[in-house]
C-alpha atoms as a PDB file:
ATOM      1  CA  MET A   1     111.443  75.310  94.205  1.00  0.00           C
ATOM      2  CA  GLU A   2     114.562  77.157  94.158  1.00  0.00           C
ATOM      3  CA  MET A   3     114.579  81.139  93.213  1.00  0.00           C
ATOM      4  CA  ALA A   4     117.004  81.712  90.093  1.00  0.00           C
ATOM      5  CA  HIS A   5     117.219  85.168  91.625  1.00  0.00           C
ATOM      6  CA  PRO A   6     117.929  86.584  95.146  1.00  0.00           C
ATOM      7  CA  PRO A   7     114.934  88.886  96.817  1.00  0.00           C
ATOM      8  CA  THR A   8     114.983  91.851  95.407  1.00  0.00           C
ATOM      9  CA  LEU A   9     115.692  94.300  98.902  1.00  0.00           C
ATOM     10  CA  ARG A  10     114.994  98.165  98.230  1.00  0.00           C
ATOM     11  CA  LYS A  11     115.465 100.269 101.534  1.00  0.00           C
ATOM     12  CA  PRO A  12     112.465 103.042 102.014  1.00  0.00           C
ATOM     13  CA  GLY A  13     112.311 106.134  99.073  1.00  0.00           C
ATOM     14  CA  THR A  14     115.121 104.574  97.346  1.00  0.00           C
ATOM     15  CA  GLY A  15     115.000 103.202  93.531  1.00  0.00           C
ATOM     16  CA  LYS A  16     115.182 104.847  89.832  1.00  0.00           C
ATOM     17  CA  THR A  17     112.881 107.453  90.142  1.00  0.00           C
ATOM     18  CA  PHE A  18     111.444 109.469  86.918  1.00  0.00           C
ATOM     19  CA  GLY A  19     108.696 111.478  86.126  1.00  0.00           C
ATOM     20  CA  ILE A  20     105.974 110.498  82.918  1.00  0.00           C
ATOM     21  CA  VAL A  21     102.944 112.214  82.306  1.00  0.00           C
ATOM     22  CA  GLY A  22     102.852 114.413  85.246  1.00  0.00           C
ATOM     23  CA  ASP A  23     103.218 111.477  87.734  1.00  0.00           C
ATOM     24  CA  VAL A  24     106.503 110.828  89.475  1.00  0.00           C
ATOM     25  CA  VAL A  25     107.244 106.781  88.905  1.00  0.00           C
ATOM     26  CA  ARG A  26     109.394 104.857  91.220  1.00  0.00           C
ATOM     27  CA  ILE A  27     110.482 101.627  90.200  1.00  0.00           C
ATOM     28  CA  LEU A  28     110.297  99.001  92.802  1.00  0.00           C
ATOM     29  CA  VAL A  29     111.268  96.027  91.272  1.00  0.00           C
ATOM     30  CA  THR A  30     112.191  95.272  87.751  1.00  0.00           C
ATOM     31  CA  GLY A  31     111.243  92.360  85.363  1.00  0.00           C
ATOM     32  CA  ASP A  32     114.987  91.511  84.912  1.00  0.00           C
ATOM     33  CA  GLU A  33     114.469  90.542  88.946  1.00  0.00           C
ATOM     34  CA  THR A  34     111.410  88.502  88.239  1.00  0.00           C
ATOM     35  CA  GLU A  35     112.210  86.631  85.311  1.00  0.00           C
ATOM     36  CA  GLY A  36     110.100  88.876  82.527  1.00  0.00           C
ATOM     37  CA  LYS A  37     107.031  87.758  85.414  1.00  0.00           C
ATOM     38  CA  PHE A  38     106.397  91.056  86.690  1.00  0.00           C
ATOM     39  CA  ALA A  39     106.926  94.833  87.570  1.00  0.00           C
ATOM     40  CA  THR A  40     106.101  97.049  90.410  1.00  0.00           C
ATOM     41  CA  PHE A  41     106.257 100.816  90.644  1.00  0.00           C
ATOM     42  CA  GLU A  42     105.201 103.386  93.235  1.00  0.00           C
ATOM     43  CA  THR A  43     103.346 106.183  91.325  1.00  0.00           C
ATOM     44  CA  THR A  44     102.154 109.440  93.023  1.00  0.00           C
ATOM     45  CA  VAL A  45      99.854 111.290  90.692  1.00  0.00           C
ATOM     46  CA  PRO A  46      98.498 114.757  91.527  1.00  0.00           C
ATOM     47  CA  PRO A  47      94.829 115.277  91.624  1.00  0.00           C
ATOM     48  CA  HIS A  48      92.960 115.556  88.329  1.00  0.00           C
ATOM     49  CA  CYS A  49      96.258 113.951  86.340  1.00  0.00           C
ATOM     50  CA  GLY A  50      97.344 110.111  85.682  1.00  0.00           C
ATOM     51  CA  PRO A  51      97.846 108.474  82.659  1.00  0.00           C
ATOM     52  CA  PRO A  52      95.225 109.028  79.456  1.00  0.00           C
ATOM     53  CA  LEU A  53      92.995 106.268  78.687  1.00  0.00           C
ATOM     54  CA  HIS A  54      94.854 103.472  76.931  1.00  0.00           C
ATOM     55  CA  THR A  55      95.150  99.621  76.821  1.00  0.00           C
ATOM     56  CA  HIS A  56      97.745  96.603  76.531  1.00  0.00           C
ATOM     57  CA  SER A  57      97.950  94.343  74.491  1.00  0.00           C
ATOM     58  CA  ARG A  58     100.540  92.227  76.544  1.00  0.00           C
ATOM     59  CA  GLU A  59     100.870  93.314  80.306  1.00  0.00           C
ATOM     60  CA  GLN A  60      98.225  93.009  83.098  1.00  0.00           C
ATOM     61  CA  GLU A  61      97.773  96.343  85.099  1.00  0.00           C
ATOM     62  CA  SER A  62      96.343  96.153  88.793  1.00  0.00           C
ATOM     63  CA  PHE A  63      96.458  99.531  91.010  1.00  0.00           C
ATOM     64  CA  PHE A  64      96.287  99.443  94.971  1.00  0.00           C
ATOM     65  CA  VAL A  65      95.442 103.206  95.775  1.00  0.00           C
ATOM     66  CA  LEU A  66      96.716 104.211  99.641  1.00  0.00           C
ATOM     67  CA  GLU A  67      95.178 106.978  99.429  1.00  0.00           C
ATOM     68  CA  GLY A  68      92.626 110.085  97.861  1.00  0.00           C
END
């Protein structure tokens, strides 16, 4: 199977970063880079913070906790 897009390579600590609901989010791979199949974000969440309870009607969401 041929890839339509070349692999996305980012050096550690690079990528667009923004703040939302007290968290720091770094975009690792965008939907545009994966033909809309997925996006990957690195999020730093302070203790007792994080997004409010919510649901997604079109997306699936998963988490991989590194520490804490």
